[in-house]
Amino acid sequence: MTQMTAHPGTPRRRARAGRRAALLVAVLVCLSVVMALGAAWLRGVLLEHRQVRAQADRLQAEYLAASAVGRAAAQLAANPDYRGETFVVDAETLALRAGAAVIIRVEPVADDAKARRVVVEANFPNDGAERARRSRQVTISLAN
């Protein structure tokens, strides 16, 4: 009696190899889909992070502008000849990631000698293309 041995090319082995190949293709397709979804999620997270940072920068510039108006009012109360100033605040002083630049201009009001127009421009951060800029303009009456 002769024993039969399975050769590598038998139908049973070919079917098993075909199932393995199909399973491998399915796993690769699933991994590709998961990676594409992960990349889309990461892109969304990064975009949201940039938007939140931009909003925080705008808010910081708004606070700086409001403070500069208060500073100008105090300076005008002490010295009616105050014409403004430019100052830079470093990141360490602000305890933030970047510094700021603030410009205060004081102009006379044409029809009122006892009033001054204060124009303020605050930039945060003070350098870079993605800085937030806030401006304010107020009229302050001088004390007698």
C-alpha atoms as a PDB file:
ATOM      1  CA  MET A   1       0.000   0.000   0.000  1.00  0.00           C
ATOM      2  CA  THR A   2       1.183   3.404  -0.850  1.00  0.00           C
ATOM      3  CA  GLN A   3       0.561   6.374   1.312  1.00  0.00           C
ATOM      4  CA  MET A   4      -0.752   9.534  -0.245  1.00  0.00           C
ATOM      5  CA  THR A   5       0.950  12.722   0.696  1.00  0.00           C
ATOM      6  CA  ALA A   6      -0.457  16.177   0.132  1.00  0.00           C
ATOM      7  CA  HIS A   7       1.531  18.181  -2.350  1.00  0.00           C
ATOM      8  CA  PRO A   8       1.864  21.909  -2.094  1.00  0.00           C
ATOM      9  CA  GLY A   9      -0.436  22.381  -5.027  1.00  0.00           C
ATOM     10  CA  THR A  10      -3.406  20.427  -3.689  1.00  0.00           C
ATOM     11  CA  PRO A  11      -6.804  22.142  -3.746  1.00  0.00           C
ATOM     12  CA  ARG A  12      -7.099  22.169   0.047  1.00  0.00           C
ATOM     13  CA  ARG A  13      -3.831  24.096   0.520  1.00  0.00           C
ATOM     14  CA  ARG A  14      -4.692  26.506  -2.300  1.00  0.00           C
ATOM     15  CA  ALA A  15      -8.054  27.264  -0.680  1.00  0.00           C
ATOM     16  CA  ARG A  16      -6.428  27.870   2.698  1.00  0.00           C
ATOM     17  CA  ALA A  17      -3.806  30.191   1.146  1.00  0.00           C
ATOM     18  CA  GLY A  18      -6.587  32.070  -0.707  1.00  0.00           C
ATOM     19  CA  ARG A  19      -8.493  32.608   2.542  1.00  0.00           C
ATOM     20  CA  ARG A  20      -5.334  33.890   4.239  1.00  0.00           C
ATOM     21  CA  ALA A  21      -4.684  36.312   1.400  1.00  0.00           C
ATOM     22  CA  ALA A  22      -8.269  37.579   1.503  1.00  0.00           C
ATOM     23  CA  LEU A  23      -8.018  38.019   5.270  1.00  0.00           C
ATOM     24  CA  LEU A  24      -4.742  39.917   4.884  1.00  0.00           C
ATOM     25  CA  VAL A  25      -6.321  42.253   2.294  1.00  0.00           C
ATOM     26  CA  ALA A  26      -9.323  42.851   4.588  1.00  0.00           C
ATOM     27  CA  VAL A  27      -7.044  43.674   7.529  1.00  0.00           C
ATOM     28  CA  LEU A  28      -5.017  46.088   5.389  1.00  0.00           C
ATOM     29  CA  VAL A  29      -8.183  47.820   4.171  1.00  0.00           C
ATOM     30  CA  CYS A  30      -9.436  48.163   7.762  1.00  0.00           C
ATOM     31  CA  LEU A  31      -6.095  49.590   8.896  1.00  0.00           C
ATOM     32  CA  SER A  32      -6.149  52.074   6.019  1.00  0.00           C
ATOM     33  CA  VAL A  33      -9.643  53.234   6.971  1.00  0.00           C
ATOM     34  CA  VAL A  34      -8.666  53.583  10.643  1.00  0.00           C
ATOM     35  CA  MET A  35      -5.549  55.563   9.684  1.00  0.00           C
ATOM     36  CA  ALA A  36      -7.569  57.880   7.405  1.00  0.00           C
ATOM     37  CA  LEU A  37     -10.116  58.499  10.179  1.00  0.00           C
ATOM     38  CA  GLY A  38      -7.308  59.160  12.671  1.00  0.00           C
ATOM     39  CA  ALA A  39      -5.655  61.637  10.299  1.00  0.00           C
ATOM     40  CA  ALA A  40      -8.958  63.480   9.785  1.00  0.00           C
ATOM     41  CA  TRP A  41      -9.539  63.616  13.551  1.00  0.00           C
ATOM     42  CA  LEU A  42      -5.997  64.910  14.157  1.00  0.00           C
ATOM     43  CA  ARG A  43      -6.444  67.592  11.493  1.00  0.00           C
ATOM     44  CA  GLY A  44      -9.661  68.723  13.215  1.00  0.00           C
ATOM     45  CA  VAL A  45      -7.971  68.839  16.626  1.00  0.00           C
ATOM     46  CA  LEU A  46      -5.097  70.929  15.248  1.00  0.00           C
ATOM     47  CA  LEU A  47      -7.502  73.346  13.556  1.00  0.00           C
ATOM     48  CA  GLU A  48      -9.496  73.758  16.760  1.00  0.00           C
ATOM     49  CA  HIS A  49      -6.283  74.350  18.722  1.00  0.00           C
ATOM     50  CA  ARG A  50      -5.272  77.132  16.313  1.00  0.00           C
ATOM     51  CA  GLN A  51      -8.717  78.727  16.602  1.00  0.00           C
ATOM     52  CA  VAL A  52      -8.642  78.642  20.399  1.00  0.00           C
ATOM     53  CA  ARG A  53      -5.154  80.163  20.432  1.00  0.00           C
ATOM     54  CA  ALA A  54      -6.240  82.927  18.026  1.00  0.00           C
ATOM     55  CA  GLN A  55      -9.252  83.692  20.238  1.00  0.00           C
ATOM     56  CA  ALA A  56      -7.017  83.844  23.327  1.00  0.00           C
ATOM     57  CA  ASP A  57      -4.640  86.204  21.483  1.00  0.00           C
ATOM     58  CA  ARG A  58      -7.541  88.483  20.501  1.00  0.00           C
ATOM     59  CA  LEU A  59      -8.771  88.544  24.088  1.00  0.00           C
ATOM     60  CA  GLN A  60      -5.294  89.355  25.412  1.00  0.00           C
ATOM     61  CA  ALA A  61      -4.978  92.208  22.885  1.00  0.00           C
ATOM     62  CA  GLU A  62      -8.374  93.505  24.015  1.00  0.00           C
ATOM     63  CA  TYR A  63      -7.255  93.519  27.662  1.00  0.00           C
ATOM     64  CA  LEU A  64      -4.036  95.300  26.718  1.00  0.00           C
ATOM     65  CA  ALA A  65      -5.969  97.970  24.793  1.00  0.00           C
ATOM     66  CA  ALA A  66      -8.304  98.554  27.742  1.00  0.00           C
ATOM     67  CA  SER A  67      -5.336  98.851  30.104  1.00  0.00           C
ATOM     68  CA  ALA A  68      -3.622 101.292  27.763  1.00  0.00           C
ATOM     69  CA  VAL A  69      -6.710 103.530  27.763  1.00  0.00           C
ATOM     70  CA  GLY A  70      -6.609 103.525  31.570  1.00  0.00           C
ATOM     71  CA  ARG A  71      -2.897 104.311  31.496  1.00  0.00           C
ATOM     72  CA  ALA A  72      -3.458 107.224  29.121  1.00  0.00           C
ATOM     73  CA  ALA A  73      -6.244 108.609  31.323  1.00  0.00           C
ATOM     74  CA  ALA A  74      -3.969 108.448  34.379  1.00  0.00           C
ATOM     75  CA  GLN A  75      -1.101 110.097  32.493  1.00  0.00           C
ATOM     76  CA  LEU A  76      -3.393 112.875  31.232  1.00  0.00           C
ATOM     77  CA  ALA A  77      -4.690 113.477  34.759  1.00  0.00           C
ATOM     78  CA  ALA A  78      -1.092 113.926  35.955  1.00  0.00           C
ATOM     79  CA  ASN A  79       0.146 115.835  32.901  1.00  0.00           C
ATOM     80  CA  PRO A  80      -2.231 117.500  30.402  1.00  0.00           C
ATOM     81  CA  ASP A  81       0.664 117.751  27.887  1.00  0.00           C
ATOM     82  CA  TYR A  82       1.031 113.948  27.667  1.00  0.00           C
ATOM     83  CA  ARG A  83       1.195 112.971  23.972  1.00  0.00           C
ATOM     84  CA  GLY A  84       1.356 109.204  24.246  1.00  0.00           C
ATOM     85  CA  GLU A  85       3.963 106.487  24.188  1.00  0.00           C
ATOM     86  CA  THR A  86       4.903 103.145  22.769  1.00  0.00           C
ATOM     87  CA  PHE A  87       5.824 100.321  25.063  1.00  0.00           C
ATOM     88  CA  VAL A  88       6.701  96.678  24.687  1.00  0.00           C
ATOM     89  CA  VAL A  89       5.849  94.165  27.387  1.00  0.00           C
ATOM     90  CA  ASP A  90       7.932  90.994  27.421  1.00  0.00           C
ATOM     91  CA  ALA A  91       6.484  87.499  27.726  1.00  0.00           C
ATOM     92  CA  GLU A  92       7.903  87.003  31.216  1.00  0.00           C
ATOM     93  CA  THR A  93       6.136  90.098  32.543  1.00  0.00           C
ATOM     94  CA  LEU A  94       2.852  88.960  30.996  1.00  0.00           C
ATOM     95  CA  ALA A  95       3.466  85.366  32.119  1.00  0.00           C
ATOM     96  CA  LEU A  96       2.425  84.284  28.638  1.00  0.00           C
ATOM     97  CA  ARG A  97       4.030  82.657  25.625  1.00  0.00           C
ATOM     98  CA  ALA A  98       4.847  85.957  23.896  1.00  0.00           C
ATOM     99  CA  GLY A  99       5.273  89.652  24.497  1.00  0.00           C
ATOM    100  CA  ALA A 100       3.038  92.509  23.403  1.00  0.00           C
ATOM    101  CA  ALA A 101       3.406  95.970  21.891  1.00  0.00           C
ATOM    102  CA  VAL A 102       1.087  98.869  22.709  1.00  0.00           C
ATOM    103  CA  ILE A 103       0.965 102.287  21.051  1.00  0.00           C
ATOM    104  CA  ILE A 104      -0.830 105.191  22.730  1.00  0.00           C
ATOM    105  CA  ARG A 105      -1.400 108.414  20.794  1.00  0.00           C
ATOM    106  CA  VAL A 106      -2.995 111.484  22.369  1.00  0.00           C
ATOM    107  CA  GLU A 107      -4.406 114.132  20.038  1.00  0.00           C
ATOM    108  CA  PRO A 108      -6.195 117.404  20.744  1.00  0.00           C
ATOM    109  CA  VAL A 109      -9.915 117.573  20.000  1.00  0.00           C
ATOM    110  CA  ALA A 110     -10.575 120.340  17.453  1.00  0.00           C
ATOM    111  CA  ASP A 111     -13.705 121.839  18.980  1.00  0.00           C
ATOM    112  CA  ASP A 112     -12.848 121.299  22.676  1.00  0.00           C
ATOM    113  CA  ALA A 113      -9.604 122.609  24.197  1.00  0.00           C
ATOM    114  CA  LYS A 114     -10.293 120.733  27.448  1.00  0.00           C
ATOM    115  CA  ALA A 115     -10.521 117.290  25.792  1.00  0.00           C
ATOM    116  CA  ARG A 116      -8.056 114.852  24.258  1.00  0.00           C
ATOM    117  CA  ARG A 117      -8.642 111.969  21.870  1.00  0.00           C
ATOM    118  CA  VAL A 118      -6.755 108.860  22.915  1.00  0.00           C
ATOM    119  CA  VAL A 119      -6.048 106.296  20.212  1.00  0.00           C
ATOM    120  CA  VAL A 120      -4.667 102.954  21.378  1.00  0.00           C
ATOM    121  CA  GLU A 121      -3.357 100.017  19.346  1.00  0.00           C
ATOM    122  CA  ALA A 122      -2.420  96.763  21.089  1.00  0.00           C
ATOM    123  CA  ASN A 123      -0.663  93.858  19.347  1.00  0.00           C
ATOM    124  CA  PHE A 124      -0.342  90.382  20.809  1.00  0.00           C
ATOM    125  CA  PRO A 125       2.024  88.760  20.170  1.00  0.00           C
ATOM    126  CA  ASN A 126       4.096  91.754  19.165  1.00  0.00           C
ATOM    127  CA  ASP A 127       5.735  89.969  16.259  1.00  0.00           C
ATOM    128  CA  GLY A 128       4.703  87.367  13.745  1.00  0.00           C
ATOM    129  CA  ALA A 129       2.115  87.144  11.019  1.00  0.00           C
ATOM    130  CA  GLU A 130      -0.638  85.709  13.208  1.00  0.00           C
ATOM    131  CA  ARG A 131      -0.824  88.464  15.784  1.00  0.00           C
ATOM    132  CA  ALA A 132      -4.030  89.903  17.135  1.00  0.00           C
ATOM    133  CA  ARG A 133      -4.494  93.664  16.900  1.00  0.00           C
ATOM    134  CA  ARG A 134      -7.089  95.613  18.860  1.00  0.00           C
ATOM    135  CA  SER A 135      -7.660  99.352  18.669  1.00  0.00           C
ATOM    136  CA  ARG A 136      -9.638 101.719  20.827  1.00  0.00           C
ATOM    137  CA  GLN A 137     -10.418 105.383  20.536  1.00  0.00           C
ATOM    138  CA  VAL A 138     -11.845 107.449  23.398  1.00  0.00           C
ATOM    139  CA  THR A 139     -12.212 111.112  24.230  1.00  0.00           C
ATOM    140  CA  ILE A 140     -11.084 112.172  27.689  1.00  0.00           C
ATOM    141  CA  SER A 141     -12.016 115.486  29.301  1.00  0.00           C
ATOM    142  CA  LEU A 142      -9.204 117.204  31.154  1.00  0.00           C
ATOM    143  CA  ALA A 143      -9.723 118.429  34.710  1.00  0.00           C
ATOM    144  CA  ASN A 144      -9.593 122.189  35.299  1.00  0.00           C
END
